[in-house]
Amino acid sequence: MRKRSKTPSAKPQNPVEQAFDLPEMLHAGVPRLELQGNRELALDGCRGLLEYTETRIRLHAGALLLTVEGTALCIRTYSDSQTVITGDIRALAFESVTA
């Protein structure tokens, strides 16, 4: 008879997570942000544009609303896979989306 292990078993992963060894955060509705200094922001996981001016851009990014503030802001790329914002980025603000 085998002894049972007293350590709790790890949460089972789906096949994609196992194949690519992806962190749980990448698929939990959490956007991925990449900043290049304060001049460029790349966002994966954008679900919609809420506001767009030269000084403020608001985006729906899954579990968060993202506000980018600055000067001369411009959306260089807007697609299902990635959104790229350029300009003089001065502030980022995050707000949780409630269901």
PDB file of N, CA and C in Angstrom:
ATOM      1  N   MET A   1       0.831  -1.162   0.000  1.00  0.00           N
ATOM      2  CA  MET A   1       0.000   0.000   0.000  1.00  0.00           C
ATOM      3  C   MET A   1       0.891   1.246   0.000  1.00  0.00           C
ATOM      4  N   ARG A   2       0.563   2.235  -0.878  1.00  0.00           N
ATOM      5  CA  ARG A   2       1.354   3.458  -0.968  1.00  0.00           C
ATOM      6  C   ARG A   2       0.928   4.449   0.096  1.00  0.00           C
ATOM      7  N   LYS A   3       1.899   5.173   0.606  1.00  0.00           N
ATOM      8  CA  LYS A   3       1.598   6.240   1.552  1.00  0.00           C
ATOM      9  C   LYS A   3       1.168   7.476   0.772  1.00  0.00           C
ATOM     10  N   ARG A   4       0.224   8.198   1.327  1.00  0.00           N
ATOM     11  CA  ARG A   4      -0.206   9.446   0.716  1.00  0.00           C
ATOM     12  C   ARG A   4       0.742  10.564   1.115  1.00  0.00           C
ATOM     13  N   SER A   5       1.018  11.412   0.162  1.00  0.00           N
ATOM     14  CA  SER A   5       1.863  12.561   0.427  1.00  0.00           C
ATOM     15  C   SER A   5       1.062  13.601   1.202  1.00  0.00           C
ATOM     16  N   LYS A   6       1.699  14.231   2.167  1.00  0.00           N
ATOM     17  CA  LYS A   6       1.018  15.247   2.959  1.00  0.00           C
ATOM     18  C   LYS A   6       1.121  16.628   2.333  1.00  0.00           C
ATOM     19  N   THR A   7       1.913  16.774   1.265  1.00  0.00           N
ATOM     20  CA  THR A   7       2.019  18.076   0.612  1.00  0.00           C
ATOM     21  C   THR A   7       0.857  18.240  -0.345  1.00  0.00           C
ATOM     22  N   PRO A   8       0.244  19.429  -0.361  1.00  0.00           N
ATOM     23  CA  PRO A   8      -0.877  19.643  -1.265  1.00  0.00           C
ATOM     24  C   PRO A   8      -0.415  19.592  -2.709  1.00  0.00           C
ATOM     25  N   SER A   9      -1.261  19.047  -3.565  1.00  0.00           N
ATOM     26  CA  SER A   9      -0.895  18.957  -4.973  1.00  0.00           C
ATOM     27  C   SER A   9      -1.008  20.334  -5.616  1.00  0.00           C
ATOM     28  N   ALA A  10      -0.168  20.561  -6.606  1.00  0.00           N
ATOM     29  CA  ALA A  10      -0.177  21.847  -7.310  1.00  0.00           C
ATOM     30  C   ALA A  10      -1.436  21.948  -8.155  1.00  0.00           C
ATOM     31  N   LYS A  11      -1.849  23.173  -8.429  1.00  0.00           N
ATOM     32  CA  LYS A  11      -3.016  23.425  -9.267  1.00  0.00           C
ATOM     33  C   LYS A  11      -2.751  22.851 -10.653  1.00  0.00           C
ATOM     34  N   PRO A  12      -3.672  22.052 -11.194  1.00  0.00           N
ATOM     35  CA  PRO A  12      -3.426  21.481 -12.509  1.00  0.00           C
ATOM     36  C   PRO A  12      -3.381  22.576 -13.575  1.00  0.00           C
ATOM     37  N   GLN A  13      -2.439  22.431 -14.501  1.00  0.00           N
ATOM     38  CA  GLN A  13      -2.296  23.404 -15.568  1.00  0.00           C
ATOM     39  C   GLN A  13      -2.985  22.901 -16.827  1.00  0.00           C
ATOM     40  N   ASN A  14      -3.429  23.845 -17.665  1.00  0.00           N
ATOM     41  CA  ASN A  14      -3.986  23.420 -18.931  1.00  0.00           C
ATOM     42  C   ASN A  14      -2.838  23.098 -19.886  1.00  0.00           C
ATOM     43  N   PRO A  15      -3.105  22.419 -20.999  1.00  0.00           N
ATOM     44  CA  PRO A  15      -2.022  21.988 -21.900  1.00  0.00           C
ATOM     45  C   PRO A  15      -1.164  23.138 -22.443  1.00  0.00           C
ATOM     46  N   VAL A  16      -1.754  24.312 -22.695  1.00  0.00           N
ATOM     47  CA  VAL A  16      -0.979  25.441 -23.210  1.00  0.00           C
ATOM     48  C   VAL A  16       0.006  25.912 -22.158  1.00  0.00           C
ATOM     49  N   GLU A  17      -0.452  26.026 -20.905  1.00  0.00           N
ATOM     50  CA  GLU A  17       0.448  26.442 -19.826  1.00  0.00           C
ATOM     51  C   GLU A  17       1.603  25.459 -19.682  1.00  0.00           C
ATOM     52  N   GLN A  18       1.295  24.177 -19.762  1.00  0.00           N
ATOM     53  CA  GLN A  18       2.336  23.165 -19.624  1.00  0.00           C
ATOM     54  C   GLN A  18       3.320  23.221 -20.779  1.00  0.00           C
ATOM     55  N   ALA A  19       2.814  23.348 -21.999  1.00  0.00           N
ATOM     56  CA  ALA A  19       3.677  23.330 -23.173  1.00  0.00           C
ATOM     57  C   ALA A  19       4.648  24.505 -23.200  1.00  0.00           C
ATOM     58  N   PHE A  20       4.174  25.681 -22.823  1.00  0.00           N
ATOM     59  CA  PHE A  20       5.006  26.868 -22.899  1.00  0.00           C
ATOM     60  C   PHE A  20       5.499  27.358 -21.547  1.00  0.00           C
ATOM     61  N   ASP A  21       5.106  26.684 -20.481  1.00  0.00           N
ATOM     62  CA  ASP A  21       5.502  27.067 -19.126  1.00  0.00           C
ATOM     63  C   ASP A  21       5.178  28.538 -18.872  1.00  0.00           C
ATOM     64  N   LEU A  22       3.915  28.931 -19.167  1.00  0.00           N
ATOM     65  CA  LEU A  22       3.469  30.313 -19.028  1.00  0.00           C
ATOM     66  C   LEU A  22       3.072  30.629 -17.595  1.00  0.00           C
ATOM     67  N   PRO A  23       3.423  31.811 -17.116  1.00  0.00           N
ATOM     68  CA  PRO A  23       2.948  32.225 -15.798  1.00  0.00           C
ATOM     69  C   PRO A  23       1.432  32.377 -15.815  1.00  0.00           C
ATOM     70  N   GLU A  24       0.790  32.088 -14.701  1.00  0.00           N
ATOM     71  CA  GLU A  24      -0.666  32.175 -14.600  1.00  0.00           C
ATOM     72  C   GLU A  24      -1.173  33.574 -14.932  1.00  0.00           C
ATOM     73  N   MET A  25      -0.393  34.602 -14.616  1.00  0.00           N
ATOM     74  CA  MET A  25      -0.806  35.981 -14.822  1.00  0.00           C
ATOM     75  C   MET A  25      -1.065  36.296 -16.301  1.00  0.00           C
ATOM     76  N   LEU A  26      -0.387  35.610 -17.219  1.00  0.00           N
ATOM     77  CA  LEU A  26      -0.522  35.928 -18.639  1.00  0.00           C
ATOM     78  C   LEU A  26      -1.890  35.594 -19.209  1.00  0.00           C
ATOM     79  N   HIS A  27      -2.644  34.764 -18.544  1.00  0.00           N
ATOM     80  CA  HIS A  27      -3.939  34.375 -19.103  1.00  0.00           C
ATOM     81  C   HIS A  27      -5.094  34.713 -18.168  1.00  0.00           C
ATOM     82  N   ALA A  28      -4.850  35.476 -17.147  1.00  0.00           N
ATOM     83  CA  ALA A  28      -5.880  35.772 -16.150  1.00  0.00           C
ATOM     84  C   ALA A  28      -6.566  37.117 -16.395  1.00  0.00           C
ATOM     85  N   GLY A  29      -6.533  37.605 -17.633  1.00  0.00           N
ATOM     86  CA  GLY A  29      -7.160  38.886 -17.923  1.00  0.00           C
ATOM     87  C   GLY A  29      -6.322  40.075 -17.505  1.00  0.00           C
ATOM     88  N   VAL A  30      -5.056  39.822 -17.170  1.00  0.00           N
ATOM     89  CA  VAL A  30      -4.156  40.883 -16.747  1.00  0.00           C
ATOM     90  C   VAL A  30      -3.359  41.346 -17.968  1.00  0.00           C
ATOM     91  N   PRO A  31      -3.381  42.647 -18.261  1.00  0.00           N
ATOM     92  CA  PRO A  31      -2.652  43.124 -19.430  1.00  0.00           C
ATOM     93  C   PRO A  31      -1.144  43.074 -19.209  1.00  0.00           C
ATOM     94  N   ARG A  32      -0.413  43.010 -20.299  1.00  0.00           N
ATOM     95  CA  ARG A  32       1.051  43.043 -20.240  1.00  0.00           C
ATOM     96  C   ARG A  32       1.494  44.393 -20.767  1.00  0.00           C
ATOM     97  N   LEU A  33       2.290  45.118 -19.976  1.00  0.00           N
ATOM     98  CA  LEU A  33       2.782  46.445 -20.338  1.00  0.00           C
ATOM     99  C   LEU A  33       4.291  46.416 -20.492  1.00  0.00           C
ATOM    100  N   GLU A  34       4.769  47.165 -21.474  1.00  0.00           N
ATOM    101  CA  GLU A  34       6.210  47.313 -21.641  1.00  0.00           C
ATOM    102  C   GLU A  34       6.501  48.782 -21.935  1.00  0.00           C
ATOM    103  N   LEU A  35       7.330  49.393 -21.106  1.00  0.00           N
ATOM    104  CA  LEU A  35       7.698  50.804 -21.273  1.00  0.00           C
ATOM    105  C   LEU A  35       9.107  50.918 -21.833  1.00  0.00           C
ATOM    106  N   GLN A  36       9.277  51.847 -22.751  1.00  0.00           N
ATOM    107  CA  GLN A  36      10.598  52.218 -23.251  1.00  0.00           C
ATOM    108  C   GLN A  36      10.840  53.635 -22.756  1.00  0.00           C
ATOM    109  N   GLY A  37      11.458  53.735 -21.577  1.00  0.00           N
ATOM    110  CA  GLY A  37      11.632  55.042 -20.957  1.00  0.00           C
ATOM    111  C   GLY A  37      10.271  55.649 -20.678  1.00  0.00           C
ATOM    112  N   ASN A  38      10.128  56.937 -20.976  1.00  0.00           N
ATOM    113  CA  ASN A  38       8.814  57.566 -20.836  1.00  0.00           C
ATOM    114  C   ASN A  38       8.294  58.002 -22.207  1.00  0.00           C
ATOM    115  N   ARG A  39       8.798  57.367 -23.278  1.00  0.00           N
ATOM    116  CA  ARG A  39       8.443  57.753 -24.641  1.00  0.00           C
ATOM    117  C   ARG A  39       7.554  56.762 -25.375  1.00  0.00           C
ATOM    118  N   GLU A  40       7.500  55.513 -24.910  1.00  0.00           N
ATOM    119  CA  GLU A  40       6.688  54.522 -25.618  1.00  0.00           C
ATOM    120  C   GLU A  40       6.144  53.482 -24.647  1.00  0.00           C
ATOM    121  N   LEU A  41       4.872  53.160 -24.818  1.00  0.00           N
ATOM    122  CA  LEU A  41       4.200  52.140 -24.014  1.00  0.00           C
ATOM    123  C   LEU A  41       3.580  51.131 -24.963  1.00  0.00           C
ATOM    124  N   ALA A  42       3.922  49.868 -24.792  1.00  0.00           N
ATOM    125  CA  ALA A  42       3.314  48.790 -25.568  1.00  0.00           C
ATOM    126  C   ALA A  42       2.425  47.995 -24.621  1.00  0.00           C
ATOM    127  N   LEU A  43       1.198  47.755 -25.052  1.00  0.00           N
ATOM    128  CA  LEU A  43       0.208  47.081 -24.218  1.00  0.00           C
ATOM    129  C   LEU A  43      -0.375  45.894 -24.974  1.00  0.00           C
ATOM    130  N   ASP A  44      -0.261  44.715 -24.389  1.00  0.00           N
ATOM    131  CA  ASP A  44      -0.924  43.521 -24.916  1.00  0.00           C
ATOM    132  C   ASP A  44      -2.158  43.300 -24.062  1.00  0.00           C
ATOM    133  N   GLY A  45      -3.277  43.028 -24.675  1.00  0.00           N
ATOM    134  CA  GLY A  45      -4.488  42.759 -23.914  1.00  0.00           C
ATOM    135  C   GLY A  45      -5.467  43.914 -23.890  1.00  0.00           C
ATOM    136  N   CYS A  46      -5.347  44.857 -24.816  1.00  0.00           N
ATOM    137  CA  CYS A  46      -6.276  45.979 -24.873  1.00  0.00           C
ATOM    138  C   CYS A  46      -7.604  45.513 -25.452  1.00  0.00           C
ATOM    139  N   ARG A  47      -8.683  45.849 -24.763  1.00  0.00           N
ATOM    140  CA  ARG A  47     -10.016  45.428 -25.206  1.00  0.00           C
ATOM    141  C   ARG A  47     -10.875  46.590 -25.699  1.00  0.00           C
ATOM    142  N   GLY A  48     -10.357  47.813 -25.607  1.00  0.00           N
ATOM    143  CA  GLY A  48     -11.137  48.929 -26.108  1.00  0.00           C
ATOM    144  C   GLY A  48     -10.547  50.267 -25.735  1.00  0.00           C
ATOM    145  N   LEU A  49     -10.841  51.255 -26.569  1.00  0.00           N
ATOM    146  CA  LEU A  49     -10.399  52.622 -26.365  1.00  0.00           C
ATOM    147  C   LEU A  49     -11.545  53.408 -25.742  1.00  0.00           C
ATOM    148  N   LEU A  50     -11.314  54.031 -24.595  1.00  0.00           N
ATOM    149  CA  LEU A  50     -12.349  54.771 -23.879  1.00  0.00           C
ATOM    150  C   LEU A  50     -12.235  56.280 -24.055  1.00  0.00           C
ATOM    151  N   GLU A  51     -11.011  56.785 -24.171  1.00  0.00           N
ATOM    152  CA  GLU A  51     -10.782  58.227 -24.314  1.00  0.00           C
ATOM    153  C   GLU A  51      -9.464  58.422 -25.044  1.00  0.00           C
ATOM    154  N   TYR A  52      -9.421  59.417 -25.938  1.00  0.00           N
ATOM    155  CA  TYR A  52      -8.198  59.656 -26.704  1.00  0.00           C
ATOM    156  C   TYR A  52      -8.042  61.142 -26.994  1.00  0.00           C
ATOM    157  N   THR A  53      -7.098  61.781 -26.300  1.00  0.00           N
ATOM    158  CA  THR A  53      -6.717  63.162 -26.582  1.00  0.00           C
ATOM    159  C   THR A  53      -5.191  63.215 -26.593  1.00  0.00           C
ATOM    160  N   GLU A  54      -4.626  64.375 -26.911  1.00  0.00           N
ATOM    161  CA  GLU A  54      -3.168  64.520 -26.908  1.00  0.00           C
ATOM    162  C   GLU A  54      -2.571  64.444 -25.506  1.00  0.00           C
ATOM    163  N   THR A  55      -3.398  64.629 -24.482  1.00  0.00           N
ATOM    164  CA  THR A  55      -2.880  64.631 -23.110  1.00  0.00           C
ATOM    165  C   THR A  55      -3.368  63.457 -22.266  1.00  0.00           C
ATOM    166  N   ARG A  56      -4.343  62.698 -22.785  1.00  0.00           N
ATOM    167  CA  ARG A  56      -4.893  61.589 -21.991  1.00  0.00           C
ATOM    168  C   ARG A  56      -5.449  60.498 -22.903  1.00  0.00           C
ATOM    169  N   ILE A  57      -5.058  59.256 -22.589  1.00  0.00           N
ATOM    170  CA  ILE A  57      -5.586  58.088 -23.287  1.00  0.00           C
ATOM    171  C   ILE A  57      -6.049  57.102 -22.232  1.00  0.00           C
ATOM    172  N   ARG A  58      -7.305  56.661 -22.346  1.00  0.00           N
ATOM    173  CA  ARG A  58      -7.849  55.660 -21.416  1.00  0.00           C
ATOM    174  C   ARG A  58      -8.196  54.418 -22.211  1.00  0.00           C
ATOM    175  N   LEU A  59      -7.771  53.266 -21.692  1.00  0.00           N
ATOM    176  CA  LEU A  59      -7.971  51.990 -22.368  1.00  0.00           C
ATOM    177  C   LEU A  59      -8.603  50.977 -21.429  1.00  0.00           C
ATOM    178  N   HIS A  60      -9.450  50.125 -21.987  1.00  0.00           N
ATOM    179  CA  HIS A  60      -9.966  48.973 -21.244  1.00  0.00           C
ATOM    180  C   HIS A  60      -8.982  47.846 -21.505  1.00  0.00           C
ATOM    181  N   ALA A  61      -8.365  47.346 -20.450  1.00  0.00           N
ATOM    182  CA  ALA A  61      -7.314  46.345 -20.589  1.00  0.00           C
ATOM    183  C   ALA A  61      -7.622  45.128 -19.734  1.00  0.00           C
ATOM    184  N   GLY A  62      -8.669  44.433 -20.065  1.00  0.00           N
ATOM    185  CA  GLY A  62      -9.027  43.232 -19.326  1.00  0.00           C
ATOM    186  C   GLY A  62      -9.530  43.545 -17.946  1.00  0.00           C
ATOM    187  N   ALA A  63      -8.782  43.144 -16.933  1.00  0.00           N
ATOM    188  CA  ALA A  63      -9.188  43.332 -15.547  1.00  0.00           C
ATOM    189  C   ALA A  63      -8.918  44.750 -15.050  1.00  0.00           C
ATOM    190  N   LEU A  64      -8.328  45.588 -15.909  1.00  0.00           N
ATOM    191  CA  LEU A  64      -7.964  46.944 -15.501  1.00  0.00           C
ATOM    192  C   LEU A  64      -8.402  47.982 -16.527  1.00  0.00           C
ATOM    193  N   LEU A  65      -8.611  49.192 -16.039  1.00  0.00           N
ATOM    194  CA  LEU A  65      -8.713  50.363 -16.902  1.00  0.00           C
ATOM    195  C   LEU A  65      -7.379  51.076 -16.748  1.00  0.00           C
ATOM    196  N   LEU A  66      -6.755  51.421 -17.858  1.00  0.00           N
ATOM    197  CA  LEU A  66      -5.449  52.064 -17.844  1.00  0.00           C
ATOM    198  C   LEU A  66      -5.592  53.490 -18.359  1.00  0.00           C
ATOM    199  N   THR A  67      -5.087  54.453 -17.589  1.00  0.00           N
ATOM    200  CA  THR A  67      -5.061  55.849 -18.014  1.00  0.00           C
ATOM    201  C   THR A  67      -3.607  56.262 -18.191  1.00  0.00           C
ATOM    202  N   VAL A  68      -3.301  56.782 -19.381  1.00  0.00           N
ATOM    203  CA  VAL A  68      -1.971  57.290 -19.695  1.00  0.00           C
ATOM    204  C   VAL A  68      -2.107  58.801 -19.824  1.00  0.00           C
ATOM    205  N   GLU A  69      -1.291  59.546 -19.083  1.00  0.00           N
ATOM    206  CA  GLU A  69      -1.320  61.009 -19.161  1.00  0.00           C
ATOM    207  C   GLU A  69       0.046  61.519 -19.565  1.00  0.00           C
ATOM    208  N   GLY A  70       0.056  62.608 -20.333  1.00  0.00           N
ATOM    209  CA  GLY A  70       1.306  63.189 -20.785  1.00  0.00           C
ATOM    210  C   GLY A  70       1.043  64.274 -21.802  1.00  0.00           C
ATOM    211  N   THR A  71       2.002  64.493 -22.696  1.00  0.00           N
ATOM    212  CA  THR A  71       1.850  65.471 -23.765  1.00  0.00           C
ATOM    213  C   THR A  71       2.208  64.811 -25.090  1.00  0.00           C
ATOM    214  N   ALA A  72       1.597  65.302 -26.148  1.00  0.00           N
ATOM    215  CA  ALA A  72       1.824  64.797 -27.508  1.00  0.00           C
ATOM    216  C   ALA A  72       1.607  63.285 -27.594  1.00  0.00           C
ATOM    217  N   LEU A  73       0.613  62.766 -26.859  1.00  0.00           N
ATOM    218  CA  LEU A  73       0.339  61.333 -26.885  1.00  0.00           C
ATOM    219  C   LEU A  73      -0.299  60.951 -28.215  1.00  0.00           C
ATOM    220  N   CYS A  74       0.108  59.800 -28.717  1.00  0.00           N
ATOM    221  CA  CYS A  74      -0.376  59.330 -30.010  1.00  0.00           C
ATOM    222  C   CYS A  74      -0.443  57.811 -29.983  1.00  0.00           C
ATOM    223  N   ILE A  75      -1.518  57.258 -30.499  1.00  0.00           N
ATOM    224  CA  ILE A  75      -1.611  55.800 -30.638  1.00  0.00           C
ATOM    225  C   ILE A  75      -0.993  55.440 -31.977  1.00  0.00           C
ATOM    226  N   ARG A  76       0.168  54.798 -31.947  1.00  0.00           N
ATOM    227  CA  ARG A  76       0.884  54.411 -33.164  1.00  0.00           C
ATOM    228  C   ARG A  76       0.350  53.111 -33.744  1.00  0.00           C
ATOM    229  N   THR A  77      -0.030  52.181 -32.860  1.00  0.00           N
ATOM    230  CA  THR A  77      -0.560  50.889 -33.286  1.00  0.00           C
ATOM    231  C   THR A  77      -1.749  50.555 -32.418  1.00  0.00           C
ATOM    232  N   TYR A  78      -2.826  50.098 -33.051  1.00  0.00           N
ATOM    233  CA  TYR A  78      -4.008  49.667 -32.305  1.00  0.00           C
ATOM    234  C   TYR A  78      -4.559  48.439 -33.016  1.00  0.00           C
ATOM    235  N   SER A  79      -4.369  47.271 -32.402  1.00  0.00           N
ATOM    236  CA  SER A  79      -4.839  46.028 -33.001  1.00  0.00           C
ATOM    237  C   SER A  79      -5.271  45.066 -31.899  1.00  0.00           C
ATOM    238  N   ASP A  80      -5.773  43.912 -32.310  1.00  0.00           N
ATOM    239  CA  ASP A  80      -6.176  42.894 -31.339  1.00  0.00           C
ATOM    240  C   ASP A  80      -5.005  42.404 -30.508  1.00  0.00           C
ATOM    241  N   SER A  81      -3.817  42.398 -31.101  1.00  0.00           N
ATOM    242  CA  SER A  81      -2.676  41.839 -30.388  1.00  0.00           C
ATOM    243  C   SER A  81      -1.883  42.860 -29.575  1.00  0.00           C
ATOM    244  N   GLN A  82      -1.775  44.115 -30.062  1.00  0.00           N
ATOM    245  CA  GLN A  82      -0.960  45.078 -29.334  1.00  0.00           C
ATOM    246  C   GLN A  82      -1.394  46.509 -29.630  1.00  0.00           C
ATOM    247  N   THR A  83      -1.275  47.350 -28.610  1.00  0.00           N
ATOM    248  CA  THR A  83      -1.501  48.784 -28.734  1.00  0.00           C
ATOM    249  C   THR A  83      -0.216  49.480 -28.317  1.00  0.00           C
ATOM    250  N   VAL A  84       0.245  50.415 -29.151  1.00  0.00           N
ATOM    251  CA  VAL A  84       1.477  51.147 -28.851  1.00  0.00           C
ATOM    252  C   VAL A  84       1.147  52.637 -28.777  1.00  0.00           C
ATOM    253  N   ILE A  85       1.527  53.248 -27.659  1.00  0.00           N
ATOM    254  CA  ILE A  85       1.312  54.677 -27.419  1.00  0.00           C
ATOM    255  C   ILE A  85       2.671  55.347 -27.331  1.00  0.00           C
ATOM    256  N   THR A  86       2.818  56.458 -28.053  1.00  0.00           N
ATOM    257  CA  THR A  86       4.060  57.224 -27.989  1.00  0.00           C
ATOM    258  C   THR A  86       3.762  58.644 -27.520  1.00  0.00           C
ATOM    259  N   GLY A  87       4.806  59.351 -27.132  1.00  0.00           N
ATOM    260  CA  GLY A  87       4.681  60.723 -26.655  1.00  0.00           C
ATOM    261  C   GLY A  87       5.483  60.900 -25.385  1.00  0.00           C
ATOM    262  N   ASP A  88       5.238  61.983 -24.699  1.00  0.00           N
ATOM    263  CA  ASP A  88       5.909  62.258 -23.434  1.00  0.00           C
ATOM    264  C   ASP A  88       4.997  61.753 -22.312  1.00  0.00           C
ATOM    265  N   ILE A  89       5.207  60.514 -21.900  1.00  0.00           N
ATOM    266  CA  ILE A  89       4.352  59.868 -20.904  1.00  0.00           C
ATOM    267  C   ILE A  89       4.765  60.349 -19.516  1.00  0.00           C
ATOM    268  N   ARG A  90       3.816  60.952 -18.802  1.00  0.00           N
ATOM    269  CA  ARG A  90       4.096  61.502 -17.475  1.00  0.00           C
ATOM    270  C   ARG A  90       3.508  60.681 -16.341  1.00  0.00           C
ATOM    271  N   ALA A  91       2.398  59.976 -16.603  1.00  0.00           N
ATOM    272  CA  ALA A  91       1.759  59.213 -15.521  1.00  0.00           C
ATOM    273  C   ALA A  91       0.951  58.063 -16.090  1.00  0.00           C
ATOM    274  N   LEU A  92       0.916  56.968 -15.340  1.00  0.00           N
ATOM    275  CA  LEU A  92       0.053  55.813 -15.616  1.00  0.00           C
ATOM    276  C   LEU A  92      -0.807  55.596 -14.399  1.00  0.00           C
ATOM    277  N   ALA A  93      -2.084  55.342 -14.634  1.00  0.00           N
ATOM    278  CA  ALA A  93      -2.992  55.066 -13.510  1.00  0.00           C
ATOM    279  C   ALA A  93      -3.782  53.810 -13.851  1.00  0.00           C
ATOM    280  N   PHE A  94      -4.007  52.986 -12.842  1.00  0.00           N
ATOM    281  CA  PHE A  94      -4.713  51.732 -13.012  1.00  0.00           C
ATOM    282  C   PHE A  94      -5.961  51.734 -12.133  1.00  0.00           C
ATOM    283  N   GLU A  95      -7.044  51.220 -12.694  1.00  0.00           N
ATOM    284  CA  GLU A  95      -8.292  51.111 -11.956  1.00  0.00           C
ATOM    285  C   GLU A  95      -8.856  49.724 -12.203  1.00  0.00           C
ATOM    286  N   SER A  96      -9.234  49.043 -11.141  1.00  0.00           N
ATOM    287  CA  SER A  96      -9.796  47.695 -11.278  1.00  0.00           C
ATOM    288  C   SER A  96     -11.181  47.762 -11.899  1.00  0.00           C
ATOM    289  N   VAL A  97     -11.444  46.807 -12.787  1.00  0.00           N
ATOM    290  CA  VAL A  97     -12.765  46.696 -13.399  1.00  0.00           C
ATOM    291  C   VAL A  97     -13.590  45.780 -12.522  1.00  0.00           C
ATOM    292  N   THR A  98     -14.738  46.239 -12.088  1.00  0.00           N
ATOM    293  CA  THR A  98     -15.621  45.404 -11.270  1.00  0.00           C
ATOM    294  C   THR A  98     -16.674  44.790 -12.164  1.00  0.00           C
ATOM    295  N   ALA A  99     -17.016  43.565 -11.868  1.00  0.00           N
ATOM    296  CA  ALA A  99     -17.981  42.842 -12.701  1.00  0.00           C
ATOM    297  C   ALA A  99     -19.394  43.295 -12.489  1.00  0.00           C
TER     298      ALA A  99
END
